Amino acid sequence: WGNSGCIWLLGTDDIKLLKITFLRHCKSVLSFLNKRHKIIH
């Protein structure tokens, strides 16, 4: 989105089954995405 990135996520109710693994990796994935886009919104 120009100088920034527009982030999105859509899921099913079954994402709850992966809750701990998902949350454990979210911040590192976001950090990776923030290297490409300094502003995510």
PDB file of all heavy atoms in Angstrom:
ATOM      1  N   TRP A   1       0.863  -1.187   0.000  1.00  0.00           N
ATOM      2  CA  TRP A   1       0.000   0.000   0.000  1.00  0.00           C
ATOM      3  C   TRP A   1       0.894   1.230   0.000  1.00  0.00           C
ATOM      4  O   TRP A   1       1.010   1.924   1.009  1.00  0.00           O
ATOM      5  CB  TRP A   1      -0.882  -0.054   1.248  1.00  0.00           C
ATOM      6  CG  TRP A   1      -2.128   0.750   1.184  1.00  0.00           C
ATOM      7  CD1 TRP A   1      -2.292   2.029   1.628  1.00  0.00           C
ATOM      8  CD2 TRP A   1      -3.393   0.340   0.675  1.00  0.00           C
ATOM      9  NE1 TRP A   1      -3.577   2.440   1.419  1.00  0.00           N
ATOM     10  CE2 TRP A   1      -4.279   1.412   0.844  1.00  0.00           C
ATOM     11  CE3 TRP A   1      -3.862  -0.827   0.103  1.00  0.00           C
ATOM     12  CZ2 TRP A   1      -5.605   1.344   0.455  1.00  0.00           C
ATOM     13  CZ3 TRP A   1      -5.168  -0.894  -0.277  1.00  0.00           C
ATOM     14  CH2 TRP A   1      -6.025   0.185  -0.101  1.00  0.00           C
ATOM     15  N   GLY A   2       1.570   1.455  -1.118  1.00  0.00           N
ATOM     16  CA  GLY A   2       2.498   2.586  -1.189  1.00  0.00           C
ATOM     17  C   GLY A   2       3.705   2.312  -0.321  1.00  0.00           C
ATOM     18  O   GLY A   2       4.424   1.344  -0.521  1.00  0.00           O
ATOM     19  N   ASN A   3       3.938   3.161   0.673  1.00  0.00           N
ATOM     20  CA  ASN A   3       5.068   2.992   1.586  1.00  0.00           C
ATOM     21  C   ASN A   3       4.736   2.127   2.794  1.00  0.00           C
ATOM     22  O   ASN A   3       5.523   2.056   3.729  1.00  0.00           O
ATOM     23  CB  ASN A   3       5.547   4.368   2.083  1.00  0.00           C
ATOM     24  CG  ASN A   3       6.127   5.189   0.948  1.00  0.00           C
ATOM     25  OD1 ASN A   3       6.700   4.639   0.008  1.00  0.00           O
ATOM     26  ND2 ASN A   3       5.972   6.489   1.014  1.00  0.00           N
ATOM     27  N   SER A   4       3.590   1.501   2.780  1.00  0.00           N
ATOM     28  CA  SER A   4       3.174   0.690   3.924  1.00  0.00           C
ATOM     29  C   SER A   4       2.571  -0.617   3.432  1.00  0.00           C
ATOM     30  O   SER A   4       2.466  -0.867   2.240  1.00  0.00           O
ATOM     31  CB  SER A   4       2.149   1.465   4.764  1.00  0.00           C
ATOM     32  OG  SER A   4       0.968   1.687   4.018  1.00  0.00           O
ATOM     33  N   GLY A   5       2.183  -1.450   4.385  1.00  0.00           N
ATOM     34  CA  GLY A   5       1.543  -2.714   4.063  1.00  0.00           C
ATOM     35  C   GLY A   5       0.214  -2.824   4.768  1.00  0.00           C
ATOM     36  O   GLY A   5       0.083  -2.462   5.944  1.00  0.00           O
ATOM     37  N   CYS A   6      -0.789  -3.299   4.059  1.00  0.00           N
ATOM     38  CA  CYS A   6      -2.125  -3.493   4.615  1.00  0.00           C
ATOM     39  C   CYS A   6      -2.268  -4.978   4.968  1.00  0.00           C
ATOM     40  O   CYS A   6      -2.344  -5.830   4.090  1.00  0.00           O
ATOM     41  CB  CYS A   6      -3.159  -3.059   3.584  1.00  0.00           C
ATOM     42  SG  CYS A   6      -4.838  -3.060   4.200  1.00  0.00           S
ATOM     43  N   ILE A   7      -2.279  -5.275   6.266  1.00  0.00           N
ATOM     44  CA  ILE A   7      -2.293  -6.658   6.743  1.00  0.00           C
ATOM     45  C   ILE A   7      -3.722  -7.162   6.896  1.00  0.00           C
ATOM     46  O   ILE A   7      -4.623  -6.387   7.211  1.00  0.00           O
ATOM     47  CB  ILE A   7      -1.514  -6.780   8.069  1.00  0.00           C
ATOM     48  CG1 ILE A   7      -1.225  -8.244   8.391  1.00  0.00           C
ATOM     49  CG2 ILE A   7      -2.227  -6.056   9.201  1.00  0.00           C
ATOM     50  CD1 ILE A   7      -0.181  -8.430   9.479  1.00  0.00           C
ATOM     51  N   TRP A   8      -3.921  -8.460   6.675  1.00  0.00           N
ATOM     52  CA  TRP A   8      -5.252  -9.055   6.816  1.00  0.00           C
ATOM     53  C   TRP A   8      -5.097 -10.518   7.223  1.00  0.00           C
ATOM     54  O   TRP A   8      -4.063 -11.141   6.976  1.00  0.00           O
ATOM     55  CB  TRP A   8      -6.049  -8.940   5.515  1.00  0.00           C
ATOM     56  CG  TRP A   8      -5.408  -9.655   4.357  1.00  0.00           C
ATOM     57  CD1 TRP A   8      -4.439  -9.159   3.518  1.00  0.00           C
ATOM     58  CD2 TRP A   8      -5.661 -10.999   3.943  1.00  0.00           C
ATOM     59  NE1 TRP A   8      -4.081 -10.112   2.606  1.00  0.00           N
ATOM     60  CE2 TRP A   8      -4.813 -11.258   2.836  1.00  0.00           C
ATOM     61  CE3 TRP A   8      -6.512 -12.001   4.372  1.00  0.00           C
ATOM     62  CZ2 TRP A   8      -4.801 -12.474   2.169  1.00  0.00           C
ATOM     63  CZ3 TRP A   8      -6.498 -13.216   3.708  1.00  0.00           C
ATOM     64  CH2 TRP A   8      -5.652 -13.439   2.625  1.00  0.00           C
ATOM     65  N   LEU A   9      -6.121 -11.032   7.881  1.00  0.00           N
ATOM     66  CA  LEU A   9      -6.197 -12.440   8.259  1.00  0.00           C
ATOM     67  C   LEU A   9      -7.662 -12.825   8.339  1.00  0.00           C
ATOM     68  O   LEU A   9      -8.464 -12.115   8.942  1.00  0.00           O
ATOM     69  CB  LEU A   9      -5.530 -12.687   9.610  1.00  0.00           C
ATOM     70  CG  LEU A   9      -5.543 -14.147  10.077  1.00  0.00           C
ATOM     71  CD1 LEU A   9      -4.238 -14.506  10.758  1.00  0.00           C
ATOM     72  CD2 LEU A   9      -6.699 -14.449  10.999  1.00  0.00           C
ATOM     73  N   LEU A  10      -7.998 -13.941   7.715  1.00  0.00           N
ATOM     74  CA  LEU A  10      -9.355 -14.485   7.776  1.00  0.00           C
ATOM     75  C   LEU A  10      -9.239 -15.967   8.079  1.00  0.00           C
ATOM     76  O   LEU A  10      -8.364 -16.646   7.551  1.00  0.00           O
ATOM     77  CB  LEU A  10     -10.088 -14.271   6.448  1.00  0.00           C
ATOM     78  CG  LEU A  10     -10.305 -12.812   6.049  1.00  0.00           C
ATOM     79  CD1 LEU A  10     -10.760 -12.710   4.603  1.00  0.00           C
ATOM     80  CD2 LEU A  10     -11.303 -12.150   6.980  1.00  0.00           C
ATOM     81  N   GLY A  11     -10.124 -16.450   8.960  1.00  0.00           N
ATOM     82  CA  GLY A  11      -9.979 -17.840   9.351  1.00  0.00           C
ATOM     83  C   GLY A  11     -11.277 -18.545   9.662  1.00  0.00           C
ATOM     84  O   GLY A  11     -12.361 -17.977   9.580  1.00  0.00           O
ATOM     85  N   THR A  12     -11.116 -19.802  10.033  1.00  0.00           N
ATOM     86  CA  THR A  12     -12.227 -20.644  10.444  1.00  0.00           C
ATOM     87  C   THR A  12     -12.204 -20.762  11.968  1.00  0.00           C
ATOM     88  O   THR A  12     -11.215 -20.400  12.611  1.00  0.00           O
ATOM     89  CB  THR A  12     -12.101 -22.053   9.826  1.00  0.00           C
ATOM     90  OG1 THR A  12     -11.031 -22.747  10.474  1.00  0.00           O
ATOM     91  CG2 THR A  12     -11.865 -21.996   8.329  1.00  0.00           C
ATOM     92  N   ASP A  13     -13.262 -21.310  12.540  1.00  0.00           N
ATOM     93  CA  ASP A  13     -13.280 -21.523  13.985  1.00  0.00           C
ATOM     94  C   ASP A  13     -12.200 -22.514  14.423  1.00  0.00           C
ATOM     95  O   ASP A  13     -11.786 -22.504  15.576  1.00  0.00           O
ATOM     96  CB  ASP A  13     -14.660 -22.024  14.436  1.00  0.00           C
ATOM     97  CG  ASP A  13     -15.695 -20.913  14.457  1.00  0.00           C
ATOM     98  OD1 ASP A  13     -15.351 -19.777  14.830  1.00  0.00           O
ATOM     99  OD2 ASP A  13     -16.850 -21.179  14.079  1.00  0.00           O
ATOM    100  N   ASP A  14     -11.731 -23.344  13.518  1.00  0.00           N
ATOM    101  CA  ASP A  14     -10.711 -24.337  13.861  1.00  0.00           C
ATOM    102  C   ASP A  14      -9.341 -23.738  14.145  1.00  0.00           C
ATOM    103  O   ASP A  14      -8.443 -24.448  14.606  1.00  0.00           O
ATOM    104  CB  ASP A  14     -10.597 -25.389  12.751  1.00  0.00           C
ATOM    105  CG  ASP A  14     -11.721 -26.403  12.797  1.00  0.00           C
ATOM    106  OD1 ASP A  14     -12.455 -26.443  13.819  1.00  0.00           O
ATOM    107  OD2 ASP A  14     -11.883 -27.150  11.822  1.00  0.00           O
ATOM    108  N   ILE A  15      -9.158 -22.449  13.913  1.00  0.00           N
ATOM    109  CA  ILE A  15      -7.877 -21.837  14.283  1.00  0.00           C
ATOM    110  C   ILE A  15      -7.652 -21.957  15.793  1.00  0.00           C
ATOM    111  O   ILE A  15      -6.524 -21.992  16.260  1.00  0.00           O
ATOM    112  CB  ILE A  15      -7.759 -20.383  13.788  1.00  0.00           C
ATOM    113  CG1 ILE A  15      -6.291 -19.945  13.835  1.00  0.00           C
ATOM    114  CG2 ILE A  15      -8.671 -19.459  14.566  1.00  0.00           C
ATOM    115  CD1 ILE A  15      -5.965 -18.718  13.061  1.00  0.00           C
ATOM    116  N   LYS A  16      -8.739 -22.072  16.555  1.00  0.00           N
ATOM    117  CA  LYS A  16      -8.627 -22.246  18.017  1.00  0.00           C
ATOM    118  C   LYS A  16      -7.878 -23.524  18.360  1.00  0.00           C
ATOM    119  O   LYS A  16      -7.241 -23.601  19.406  1.00  0.00           O
ATOM    120  CB  LYS A  16     -10.013 -22.283  18.654  1.00  0.00           C
ATOM    121  CG  LYS A  16     -10.770 -20.994  18.553  1.00  0.00           C
ATOM    122  CD  LYS A  16     -12.171 -21.170  19.100  1.00  0.00           C
ATOM    123  CE  LYS A  16     -13.045 -20.003  18.743  1.00  0.00           C
ATOM    124  NZ  LYS A  16     -14.450 -20.253  19.070  1.00  0.00           N
ATOM    125  N   LEU A  17      -7.951 -24.536  17.498  1.00  0.00           N
ATOM    126  CA  LEU A  17      -7.265 -25.805  17.744  1.00  0.00           C
ATOM    127  C   LEU A  17      -5.747 -25.660  17.658  1.00  0.00           C
ATOM    128  O   LEU A  17      -5.010 -26.507  18.145  1.00  0.00           O
ATOM    129  CB  LEU A  17      -7.738 -26.861  16.738  1.00  0.00           C
ATOM    130  CG  LEU A  17      -9.237 -27.149  16.721  1.00  0.00           C
ATOM    131  CD1 LEU A  17      -9.592 -28.086  15.572  1.00  0.00           C
ATOM    132  CD2 LEU A  17      -9.683 -27.722  18.065  1.00  0.00           C
ATOM    133  N   LEU A  18      -5.302 -24.590  17.043  1.00  0.00           N
ATOM    134  CA  LEU A  18      -3.878 -24.328  16.840  1.00  0.00           C
ATOM    135  C   LEU A  18      -3.424 -23.115  17.657  1.00  0.00           C
ATOM    136  O   LEU A  18      -2.365 -22.568  17.427  1.00  0.00           O
ATOM    137  CB  LEU A  18      -3.661 -24.078  15.341  1.00  0.00           C
ATOM    138  CG  LEU A  18      -2.284 -24.108  14.760  1.00  0.00           C
ATOM    139  CD1 LEU A  18      -1.658 -25.486  14.943  1.00  0.00           C
ATOM    140  CD2 LEU A  18      -2.326 -23.770  13.287  1.00  0.00           C
ATOM    141  N   LYS A  19      -4.224 -22.730  18.625  1.00  0.00           N
ATOM    142  CA  LYS A  19      -4.046 -21.465  19.342  1.00  0.00           C
ATOM    143  C   LYS A  19      -2.632 -21.268  19.891  1.00  0.00           C
ATOM    144  O   LYS A  19      -2.011 -20.238  19.648  1.00  0.00           O
ATOM    145  CB  LYS A  19      -5.069 -21.370  20.477  1.00  0.00           C
ATOM    146  CG  LYS A  19      -5.028 -20.072  21.224  1.00  0.00           C
ATOM    147  CD  LYS A  19      -6.109 -20.025  22.282  1.00  0.00           C
ATOM    148  CE  LYS A  19      -6.094 -18.729  23.036  1.00  0.00           C
ATOM    149  NZ  LYS A  19      -7.166 -18.666  24.019  1.00  0.00           N
ATOM    150  N   ILE A  20      -2.095 -22.225  20.621  1.00  0.00           N
ATOM    151  CA  ILE A  20      -0.786 -22.044  21.251  1.00  0.00           C
ATOM    152  C   ILE A  20       0.309 -21.919  20.200  1.00  0.00           C
ATOM    153  O   ILE A  20       1.136 -21.007  20.256  1.00  0.00           O
ATOM    154  CB  ILE A  20      -0.505 -23.183  22.253  1.00  0.00           C
ATOM    155  CG1 ILE A  20      -1.483 -23.072  23.421  1.00  0.00           C
ATOM    156  CG2 ILE A  20       0.939 -23.146  22.740  1.00  0.00           C
ATOM    157  CD1 ILE A  20      -1.484 -24.246  24.368  1.00  0.00           C
ATOM    158  N   THR A  21       0.321 -22.810  19.218  1.00  0.00           N
ATOM    159  CA  THR A  21       1.324 -22.740  18.145  1.00  0.00           C
ATOM    160  C   THR A  21       1.176 -21.445  17.363  1.00  0.00           C
ATOM    161  O   THR A  21       2.171 -20.770  17.072  1.00  0.00           O
ATOM    162  CB  THR A  21       1.177 -23.954  17.194  1.00  0.00           C
ATOM    163  OG1 THR A  21       1.326 -25.142  17.964  1.00  0.00           O
ATOM    164  CG2 THR A  21       2.199 -23.916  16.096  1.00  0.00           C
ATOM    165  N   PHE A  22      -0.049 -21.088  17.041  1.00  0.00           N
ATOM    166  CA  PHE A  22      -0.309 -19.866  16.291  1.00  0.00           C
ATOM    167  C   PHE A  22       0.208 -18.640  17.048  1.00  0.00           C
ATOM    168  O   PHE A  22       0.983 -17.844  16.504  1.00  0.00           O
ATOM    169  CB  PHE A  22      -1.818 -19.736  16.034  1.00  0.00           C
ATOM    170  CG  PHE A  22      -2.225 -18.454  15.363  1.00  0.00           C
ATOM    171  CD1 PHE A  22      -1.902 -18.211  14.046  1.00  0.00           C
ATOM    172  CD2 PHE A  22      -2.951 -17.496  16.064  1.00  0.00           C
ATOM    173  CE1 PHE A  22      -2.283 -17.019  13.425  1.00  0.00           C
ATOM    174  CE2 PHE A  22      -3.339 -16.317  15.454  1.00  0.00           C
ATOM    175  CZ  PHE A  22      -3.002 -16.081  14.136  1.00  0.00           C
ATOM    176  N   LEU A  23      -0.166 -18.511  18.311  1.00  0.00           N
ATOM    177  CA  LEU A  23       0.258 -17.353  19.091  1.00  0.00           C
ATOM    178  C   LEU A  23       1.767 -17.345  19.319  1.00  0.00           C
ATOM    179  O   LEU A  23       2.390 -16.282  19.320  1.00  0.00           O
ATOM    180  CB  LEU A  23      -0.489 -17.309  20.426  1.00  0.00           C
ATOM    181  CG  LEU A  23      -1.984 -17.006  20.328  1.00  0.00           C
ATOM    182  CD1 LEU A  23      -2.637 -17.099  21.694  1.00  0.00           C
ATOM    183  CD2 LEU A  23      -2.239 -15.648  19.693  1.00  0.00           C
ATOM    184  N   ARG A  24       2.359 -18.514  19.476  1.00  0.00           N
ATOM    185  CA  ARG A  24       3.800 -18.612  19.702  1.00  0.00           C
ATOM    186  C   ARG A  24       4.581 -18.039  18.515  1.00  0.00           C
ATOM    187  O   ARG A  24       5.656 -17.481  18.694  1.00  0.00           O
ATOM    188  CB  ARG A  24       4.198 -20.070  19.934  1.00  0.00           C
ATOM    189  CG  ARG A  24       5.656 -20.239  20.302  1.00  0.00           C
ATOM    190  CD  ARG A  24       6.037 -21.688  20.540  1.00  0.00           C
ATOM    191  NE  ARG A  24       5.251 -22.268  21.615  1.00  0.00           N
ATOM    192  CZ  ARG A  24       4.690 -23.476  21.562  1.00  0.00           C
ATOM    193  NH1 ARG A  24       4.810 -24.222  20.491  1.00  0.00           N
ATOM    194  NH2 ARG A  24       4.007 -23.936  22.581  1.00  0.00           N
ATOM    195  N   HIS A  25       4.052 -18.166  17.309  1.00  0.00           N
ATOM    196  CA  HIS A  25       4.773 -17.729  16.122  1.00  0.00           C
ATOM    197  C   HIS A  25       4.337 -16.367  15.583  1.00  0.00           C
ATOM    198  O   HIS A  25       5.013 -15.806  14.723  1.00  0.00           O
ATOM    199  CB  HIS A  25       4.618 -18.774  15.014  1.00  0.00           C
ATOM    200  CG  HIS A  25       5.353 -20.035  15.318  1.00  0.00           C
ATOM    201  ND1 HIS A  25       4.777 -21.069  16.002  1.00  0.00           N
ATOM    202  CD2 HIS A  25       6.627 -20.409  15.058  1.00  0.00           C
ATOM    203  CE1 HIS A  25       5.657 -22.041  16.131  1.00  0.00           C
ATOM    204  NE2 HIS A  25       6.784 -21.673  15.577  1.00  0.00           N
ATOM    205  N   CYS A  26       3.229 -15.830  16.063  1.00  0.00           N
ATOM    206  CA  CYS A  26       2.687 -14.577  15.515  1.00  0.00           C
ATOM    207  C   CYS A  26       3.672 -13.425  15.548  1.00  0.00           C
ATOM    208  O   CYS A  26       3.840 -12.713  14.558  1.00  0.00           O
ATOM    209  CB  CYS A  26       1.421 -14.161  16.268  1.00  0.00           C
ATOM    210  SG  CYS A  26      -0.049 -15.009  15.727  1.00  0.00           S
ATOM    211  N   LYS A  27       4.314 -13.221  16.695  1.00  0.00           N
ATOM    212  CA  LYS A  27       5.185 -12.049  16.827  1.00  0.00           C
ATOM    213  C   LYS A  27       6.405 -12.147  15.920  1.00  0.00           C
ATOM    214  O   LYS A  27       6.834 -11.140  15.346  1.00  0.00           O
ATOM    215  CB  LYS A  27       5.567 -11.834  18.281  1.00  0.00           C
ATOM    216  CG  LYS A  27       4.383 -11.333  19.093  1.00  0.00           C
ATOM    217  CD  LYS A  27       4.743 -10.939  20.504  1.00  0.00           C
ATOM    218  CE  LYS A  27       3.503 -10.413  21.218  1.00  0.00           C
ATOM    219  NZ  LYS A  27       3.762 -10.007  22.588  1.00  0.00           N
ATOM    220  N   SER A  28       6.968 -13.347  15.746  1.00  0.00           N
ATOM    221  CA  SER A  28       8.123 -13.475  14.851  1.00  0.00           C
ATOM    222  C   SER A  28       7.707 -13.292  13.392  1.00  0.00           C
ATOM    223  O   SER A  28       8.447 -12.692  12.603  1.00  0.00           O
ATOM    224  CB  SER A  28       8.842 -14.808  15.064  1.00  0.00           C
ATOM    225  OG  SER A  28       7.989 -15.879  14.784  1.00  0.00           O
ATOM    226  N   VAL A  29       6.537 -13.794  13.015  1.00  0.00           N
ATOM    227  CA  VAL A  29       6.044 -13.593  11.649  1.00  0.00           C
ATOM    228  C   VAL A  29       5.786 -12.104  11.408  1.00  0.00           C
ATOM    229  O   VAL A  29       6.161 -11.557  10.368  1.00  0.00           O
ATOM    230  CB  VAL A  29       4.778 -14.433  11.377  1.00  0.00           C
ATOM    231  CG1 VAL A  29       4.133 -14.047  10.057  1.00  0.00           C
ATOM    232  CG2 VAL A  29       5.115 -15.923  11.393  1.00  0.00           C
ATOM    233  N   LEU A  30       5.175 -11.441  12.383  1.00  0.00           N
ATOM    234  CA  LEU A  30       4.915 -10.010  12.248  1.00  0.00           C
ATOM    235  C   LEU A  30       6.219  -9.227  12.147  1.00  0.00           C
ATOM    236  O   LEU A  30       6.342  -8.296  11.349  1.00  0.00           O
ATOM    237  CB  LEU A  30       4.065  -9.502  13.409  1.00  0.00           C
ATOM    238  CG  LEU A  30       3.672  -8.038  13.345  1.00  0.00           C
ATOM    239  CD1 LEU A  30       2.855  -7.743  12.082  1.00  0.00           C
ATOM    240  CD2 LEU A  30       2.877  -7.657  14.584  1.00  0.00           C
ATOM    241  N   SER A  31       7.213  -9.605  12.932  1.00  0.00           N
ATOM    242  CA  SER A  31       8.508  -8.947  12.871  1.00  0.00           C
ATOM    243  C   SER A  31       9.127  -9.103  11.478  1.00  0.00           C
ATOM    244  O   SER A  31       9.675  -8.149  10.916  1.00  0.00           O
ATOM    245  CB  SER A  31       9.437  -9.536  13.929  1.00  0.00           C
ATOM    246  OG  SER A  31      10.666  -8.874  13.926  1.00  0.00           O
ATOM    247  N   PHE A  32       8.994 -10.294  10.898  1.00  0.00           N
ATOM    248  CA  PHE A  32       9.466 -10.530   9.530  1.00  0.00           C
ATOM    249  C   PHE A  32       8.732  -9.620   8.541  1.00  0.00           C
ATOM    250  O   PHE A  32       9.344  -9.003   7.674  1.00  0.00           O
ATOM    251  CB  PHE A  32       9.274 -12.004   9.152  1.00  0.00           C
ATOM    252  CG  PHE A  32       9.499 -12.292   7.709  1.00  0.00           C
ATOM    253  CD1 PHE A  32      10.786 -12.398   7.191  1.00  0.00           C
ATOM    254  CD2 PHE A  32       8.426 -12.451   6.838  1.00  0.00           C
ATOM    255  CE1 PHE A  32      10.995 -12.656   5.845  1.00  0.00           C
ATOM    256  CE2 PHE A  32       8.625 -12.709   5.491  1.00  0.00           C
ATOM    257  CZ  PHE A  32       9.914 -12.805   4.992  1.00  0.00           C
ATOM    258  N   LEU A  33       7.408  -9.539   8.680  1.00  0.00           N
ATOM    259  CA  LEU A  33       6.620  -8.699   7.783  1.00  0.00           C
ATOM    260  C   LEU A  33       6.981  -7.225   7.945  1.00  0.00           C
ATOM    261  O   LEU A  33       6.983  -6.470   6.981  1.00  0.00           O
ATOM    262  CB  LEU A  33       5.124  -8.912   8.029  1.00  0.00           C
ATOM    263  CG  LEU A  33       4.588 -10.304   7.688  1.00  0.00           C
ATOM    264  CD1 LEU A  33       3.146 -10.441   8.156  1.00  0.00           C
ATOM    265  CD2 LEU A  33       4.721 -10.597   6.205  1.00  0.00           C
ATOM    266  N   ASN A  34       7.295  -6.817   9.186  1.00  0.00           N
ATOM    267  CA  ASN A  34       7.665  -5.423   9.439  1.00  0.00           C
ATOM    268  C   ASN A  34       9.027  -5.068   8.846  1.00  0.00           C
ATOM    269  O   ASN A  34       9.327  -3.892   8.663  1.00  0.00           O
ATOM    270  CB  ASN A  34       7.675  -5.119  10.928  1.00  0.00           C
ATOM    271  CG  ASN A  34       6.516  -4.268  11.392  1.00  0.00           C
ATOM    272  OD1 ASN A  34       6.063  -4.421  12.513  1.00  0.00           O
ATOM    273  ND2 ASN A  34       6.028  -3.376  10.558  1.00  0.00           N
ATOM    274  N   LYS A  35       9.851  -6.045   8.548  1.00  0.00           N
ATOM    275  CA  LYS A  35      11.124  -5.749   7.879  1.00  0.00           C
ATOM    276  C   LYS A  35      10.869  -5.296   6.432  1.00  0.00           C
ATOM    277  O   LYS A  35      11.580  -4.457   5.903  1.00  0.00           O
ATOM    278  CB  LYS A  35      12.038  -6.966   7.908  1.00  0.00           C
ATOM    279  CG  LYS A  35      12.619  -7.235   9.280  1.00  0.00           C
ATOM    280  CD  LYS A  35      13.555  -8.398   9.264  1.00  0.00           C
ATOM    281  CE  LYS A  35      14.134  -8.788  10.593  1.00  0.00           C
ATOM    282  NZ  LYS A  35      13.787  -8.113  11.769  1.00  0.00           N
ATOM    283  N   ARG A  36       9.848  -5.841   5.832  1.00  0.00           N
ATOM    284  CA  ARG A  36       9.479  -5.471   4.460  1.00  0.00           C
ATOM    285  C   ARG A  36       8.702  -4.154   4.428  1.00  0.00           C
ATOM    286  O   ARG A  36       8.858  -3.346   3.546  1.00  0.00           O
ATOM    287  CB  ARG A  36       8.630  -6.602   3.856  1.00  0.00           C
ATOM    288  CG  ARG A  36       8.063  -6.303   2.506  1.00  0.00           C
ATOM    289  CD  ARG A  36       9.066  -6.538   1.395  1.00  0.00           C
ATOM    290  NE  ARG A  36       8.405  -6.390   0.111  1.00  0.00           N
ATOM    291  CZ  ARG A  36       8.690  -5.422  -0.736  1.00  0.00           C
ATOM    292  NH1 ARG A  36       9.623  -4.536  -0.468  1.00  0.00           N
ATOM    293  NH2 ARG A  36       8.054  -5.343  -1.880  1.00  0.00           N
ATOM    294  N   HIS A  37       7.831  -3.995   5.408  1.00  0.00           N
ATOM    295  CA  HIS A  37       6.992  -2.799   5.513  1.00  0.00           C
ATOM    296  C   HIS A  37       7.168  -2.212   6.907  1.00  0.00           C
ATOM    297  O   HIS A  37       6.727  -2.811   7.875  1.00  0.00           O
ATOM    298  CB  HIS A  37       5.513  -3.143   5.310  1.00  0.00           C
ATOM    299  CG  HIS A  37       5.222  -3.760   3.993  1.00  0.00           C
ATOM    300  ND1 HIS A  37       5.118  -3.024   2.838  1.00  0.00           N
ATOM    301  CD2 HIS A  37       5.019  -5.049   3.628  1.00  0.00           C
ATOM    302  CE1 HIS A  37       4.857  -3.833   1.823  1.00  0.00           C
ATOM    303  NE2 HIS A  37       4.794  -5.067   2.281  1.00  0.00           N
ATOM    304  N   LYS A  38       7.779  -1.056   6.984  1.00  0.00           N
ATOM    305  CA  LYS A  38       8.004  -0.433   8.301  1.00  0.00           C
ATOM    306  C   LYS A  38       6.686  -0.032   8.956  1.00  0.00           C
ATOM    307  O   LYS A  38       6.585   0.054  10.171  1.00  0.00           O
ATOM    308  CB  LYS A  38       8.918   0.793   8.168  1.00  0.00           C
ATOM    309  CG  LYS A  38      10.298   0.453   7.675  1.00  0.00           C
ATOM    310  CD  LYS A  38      11.006  -0.491   8.609  1.00  0.00           C
ATOM    311  CE  LYS A  38      12.391  -0.816   8.113  1.00  0.00           C
ATOM    312  NZ  LYS A  38      12.940  -2.011   8.704  1.00  0.00           N
ATOM    313  N   ILE A  39       5.669   0.215   8.130  1.00  0.00           N
ATOM    314  CA  ILE A  39       4.335   0.561   8.641  1.00  0.00           C
ATOM    315  C   ILE A  39       3.358  -0.494   8.137  1.00  0.00           C
ATOM    316  O   ILE A  39       3.246  -0.730   6.937  1.00  0.00           O
ATOM    317  CB  ILE A  39       3.886   1.952   8.151  1.00  0.00           C
ATOM    318  CG1 ILE A  39       4.873   3.030   8.608  1.00  0.00           C
ATOM    319  CG2 ILE A  39       2.468   2.260   8.627  1.00  0.00           C
ATOM    320  CD1 ILE A  39       4.641   4.383   7.975  1.00  0.00           C
ATOM    321  N   ILE A  40       2.672  -1.144   9.080  1.00  0.00           N
ATOM    322  CA  ILE A  40       1.636  -2.123   8.745  1.00  0.00           C
ATOM    323  C   ILE A  40       0.339  -1.635   9.376  1.00  0.00           C
ATOM    324  O   ILE A  40       0.323  -1.246  10.553  1.00  0.00           O
ATOM    325  CB  ILE A  40       2.005  -3.531   9.261  1.00  0.00           C
ATOM    326  CG1 ILE A  40       3.267  -4.034   8.564  1.00  0.00           C
ATOM    327  CG2 ILE A  40       0.857  -4.497   9.034  1.00  0.00           C
ATOM    328  CD1 ILE A  40       3.733  -5.388   9.052  1.00  0.00           C
ATOM    329  N   HIS A  41      -0.741  -1.685   8.620  1.00  0.00           N
ATOM    330  CA  HIS A  41      -1.992  -1.105   9.103  1.00  0.00           C
ATOM    331  C   HIS A  41      -3.194  -1.775   8.464  1.00  0.00           C
ATOM    332  O   HIS A  41      -3.074  -2.541   7.510  1.00  0.00           O
ATOM    333  CB  HIS A  41      -2.033   0.393   8.798  1.00  0.00           C
ATOM    334  CG  HIS A  41      -2.001   0.647   7.316  1.00  0.00           C
ATOM    335  ND1 HIS A  41      -3.141   0.800   6.554  1.00  0.00           N
ATOM    336  CD2 HIS A  41      -0.964   0.726   6.449  1.00  0.00           C
ATOM    337  CE1 HIS A  41      -2.798   0.983   5.293  1.00  0.00           C
ATOM    338  NE2 HIS A  41      -1.488   0.944   5.197  1.00  0.00           N
TER     339      HIS A  41
END
